[in-house]
Amino acid sequence: MQIDHIDVNMVRVTKKSALSGKHNSMLIPVRQGEIEHWLNSCMLVQDAFPWLSAEVREFLVSGITPEEWDATFGSDV
């Protein structure tokens, strides 16, 4: 996982997708330190970032974007 500070409370996270192996990026409205703290803790992603959507939290865990998810599993899952 690569984390790039973009602005106050905004980072770009780049992560390899567990589905495709492709490196995907997403802008996420958190501070870099919040992600680093989560990575170094044993917190569940939903406990660390309850304000983020399930799709963004899935990306943090697996690198899978909403578009990849829908293409693989359909949007009704």
C-alpha atoms as a PDB file:
ATOM      1  CA  MET A   1       0.000   0.000   0.000  1.00  0.00           C
ATOM      2  CA  GLN A   2       1.262   3.430  -0.927  1.00  0.00           C
ATOM      3  CA  ILE A   3      -0.184   6.502   0.794  1.00  0.00           C
ATOM      4  CA  ASP A   4       0.327   9.978  -0.696  1.00  0.00           C
ATOM      5  CA  HIS A   5      -0.720  13.128   1.141  1.00  0.00           C
ATOM      6  CA  ILE A   6      -2.839  15.255  -1.220  1.00  0.00           C
ATOM      7  CA  ASP A   7      -4.347  17.913   1.032  1.00  0.00           C
ATOM      8  CA  VAL A   8      -5.622  18.391   4.563  1.00  0.00           C
ATOM      9  CA  ASN A   9      -7.710  15.285   5.333  1.00  0.00           C
ATOM     10  CA  MET A  10      -7.156  13.817   1.853  1.00  0.00           C
ATOM     11  CA  VAL A  11      -4.809  11.048   0.736  1.00  0.00           C
ATOM     12  CA  ARG A  12      -4.358   8.976  -2.392  1.00  0.00           C
ATOM     13  CA  VAL A  13      -4.031   5.295  -1.565  1.00  0.00           C
ATOM     14  CA  THR A  14      -2.580   2.944  -4.168  1.00  0.00           C
ATOM     15  CA  LYS A  15      -2.968  -0.752  -3.556  1.00  0.00           C
ATOM     16  CA  LYS A  16      -2.726  -3.972  -5.556  1.00  0.00           C
ATOM     17  CA  SER A  17      -6.131  -5.513  -6.208  1.00  0.00           C
ATOM     18  CA  ALA A  18      -6.684  -8.956  -4.737  1.00  0.00           C
ATOM     19  CA  LEU A  19      -8.887  -9.739  -7.782  1.00  0.00           C
ATOM     20  CA  SER A  20      -6.942  -8.471 -10.771  1.00  0.00           C
ATOM     21  CA  GLY A  21      -3.432  -7.831  -9.473  1.00  0.00           C
ATOM     22  CA  LYS A  22      -3.731  -4.341 -10.953  1.00  0.00           C
ATOM     23  CA  HIS A  23      -2.519  -1.372  -8.910  1.00  0.00           C
ATOM     24  CA  ASN A  24      -5.563   0.809  -8.184  1.00  0.00           C
ATOM     25  CA  SER A  25      -5.694   4.261  -6.609  1.00  0.00           C
ATOM     26  CA  MET A  26      -8.435   6.007  -4.702  1.00  0.00           C
ATOM     27  CA  LEU A  27      -8.720   9.437  -3.074  1.00  0.00           C
ATOM     28  CA  ILE A  28      -9.860   8.955   0.509  1.00  0.00           C
ATOM     29  CA  PRO A  29     -10.911  11.724   2.915  1.00  0.00           C
ATOM     30  CA  VAL A  30      -8.674  10.801   5.863  1.00  0.00           C
ATOM     31  CA  ARG A  31      -5.329  11.908   7.241  1.00  0.00           C
ATOM     32  CA  GLN A  32      -2.254   9.858   6.388  1.00  0.00           C
ATOM     33  CA  GLY A  33      -1.630   9.251  10.087  1.00  0.00           C
ATOM     34  CA  GLU A  34      -5.085   7.706  10.496  1.00  0.00           C
ATOM     35  CA  ILE A  35      -4.345   5.085   7.863  1.00  0.00           C
ATOM     36  CA  GLU A  36      -0.885   4.432   9.270  1.00  0.00           C
ATOM     37  CA  HIS A  37      -2.378   4.008  12.755  1.00  0.00           C
ATOM     38  CA  TRP A  38      -4.949   1.526  11.402  1.00  0.00           C
ATOM     39  CA  LEU A  39      -2.249  -0.433   9.545  1.00  0.00           C
ATOM     40  CA  ASN A  40      -0.174  -0.730  12.732  1.00  0.00           C
ATOM     41  CA  SER A  41      -3.098  -1.686  14.951  1.00  0.00           C
ATOM     42  CA  CYS A  42      -5.383  -4.683  15.169  1.00  0.00           C
ATOM     43  CA  MET A  43      -8.473  -2.579  14.509  1.00  0.00           C
ATOM     44  CA  LEU A  44     -11.082  -3.718  12.050  1.00  0.00           C
ATOM     45  CA  VAL A  45     -11.411  -1.300   9.149  1.00  0.00           C
ATOM     46  CA  GLN A  46     -15.067  -0.613  10.008  1.00  0.00           C
ATOM     47  CA  ASP A  47     -14.073   0.339  13.558  1.00  0.00           C
ATOM     48  CA  ALA A  48     -11.189   2.541  12.408  1.00  0.00           C
ATOM     49  CA  PHE A  49     -13.187   4.337   9.683  1.00  0.00           C
ATOM     50  CA  PRO A  50     -16.922   4.075  10.406  1.00  0.00           C
ATOM     51  CA  TRP A  51     -17.623   7.243   8.381  1.00  0.00           C
ATOM     52  CA  LEU A  52     -16.211   5.762   5.151  1.00  0.00           C
ATOM     53  CA  SER A  53     -18.474   3.821   2.801  1.00  0.00           C
ATOM     54  CA  ALA A  54     -18.265   0.038   2.674  1.00  0.00           C
ATOM     55  CA  GLU A  55     -16.772   0.342  -0.833  1.00  0.00           C
ATOM     56  CA  VAL A  56     -13.922   2.560   0.356  1.00  0.00           C
ATOM     57  CA  ARG A  57     -13.246   0.299   3.331  1.00  0.00           C
ATOM     58  CA  GLU A  58     -13.171  -2.726   0.986  1.00  0.00           C
ATOM     59  CA  PHE A  59     -10.608  -0.913  -1.136  1.00  0.00           C
ATOM     60  CA  LEU A  60      -8.420  -0.272   1.915  1.00  0.00           C
ATOM     61  CA  VAL A  61      -8.495  -3.960   2.803  1.00  0.00           C
ATOM     62  CA  SER A  62      -8.282  -5.600  -0.614  1.00  0.00           C
ATOM     63  CA  GLY A  63      -7.410  -2.973  -3.218  1.00  0.00           C
ATOM     64  CA  ILE A  64     -10.638  -3.834  -5.049  1.00  0.00           C
ATOM     65  CA  THR A  65     -12.416  -0.802  -6.506  1.00  0.00           C
ATOM     66  CA  PRO A  66     -16.209  -0.608  -6.712  1.00  0.00           C
ATOM     67  CA  GLU A  67     -15.920  -0.942 -10.505  1.00  0.00           C
ATOM     68  CA  GLU A  68     -13.877  -4.151 -10.226  1.00  0.00           C
ATOM     69  CA  TRP A  69     -16.314  -5.533  -7.666  1.00  0.00           C
ATOM     70  CA  ASP A  70     -19.312  -4.862  -9.914  1.00  0.00           C
ATOM     71  CA  ALA A  71     -17.563  -6.294 -12.986  1.00  0.00           C
ATOM     72  CA  THR A  72     -16.700  -9.485 -11.084  1.00  0.00           C
ATOM     73  CA  PHE A  73     -19.714 -10.048  -8.844  1.00  0.00           C
ATOM     74  CA  GLY A  74     -22.397  -7.773 -10.270  1.00  0.00           C
ATOM     75  CA  SER A  75     -23.837  -4.704  -8.651  1.00  0.00           C
ATOM     76  CA  ASP A  76     -26.637  -6.589  -6.849  1.00  0.00           C
ATOM     77  CA  VAL A  77     -24.301  -8.344  -4.378  1.00  0.00           C
END
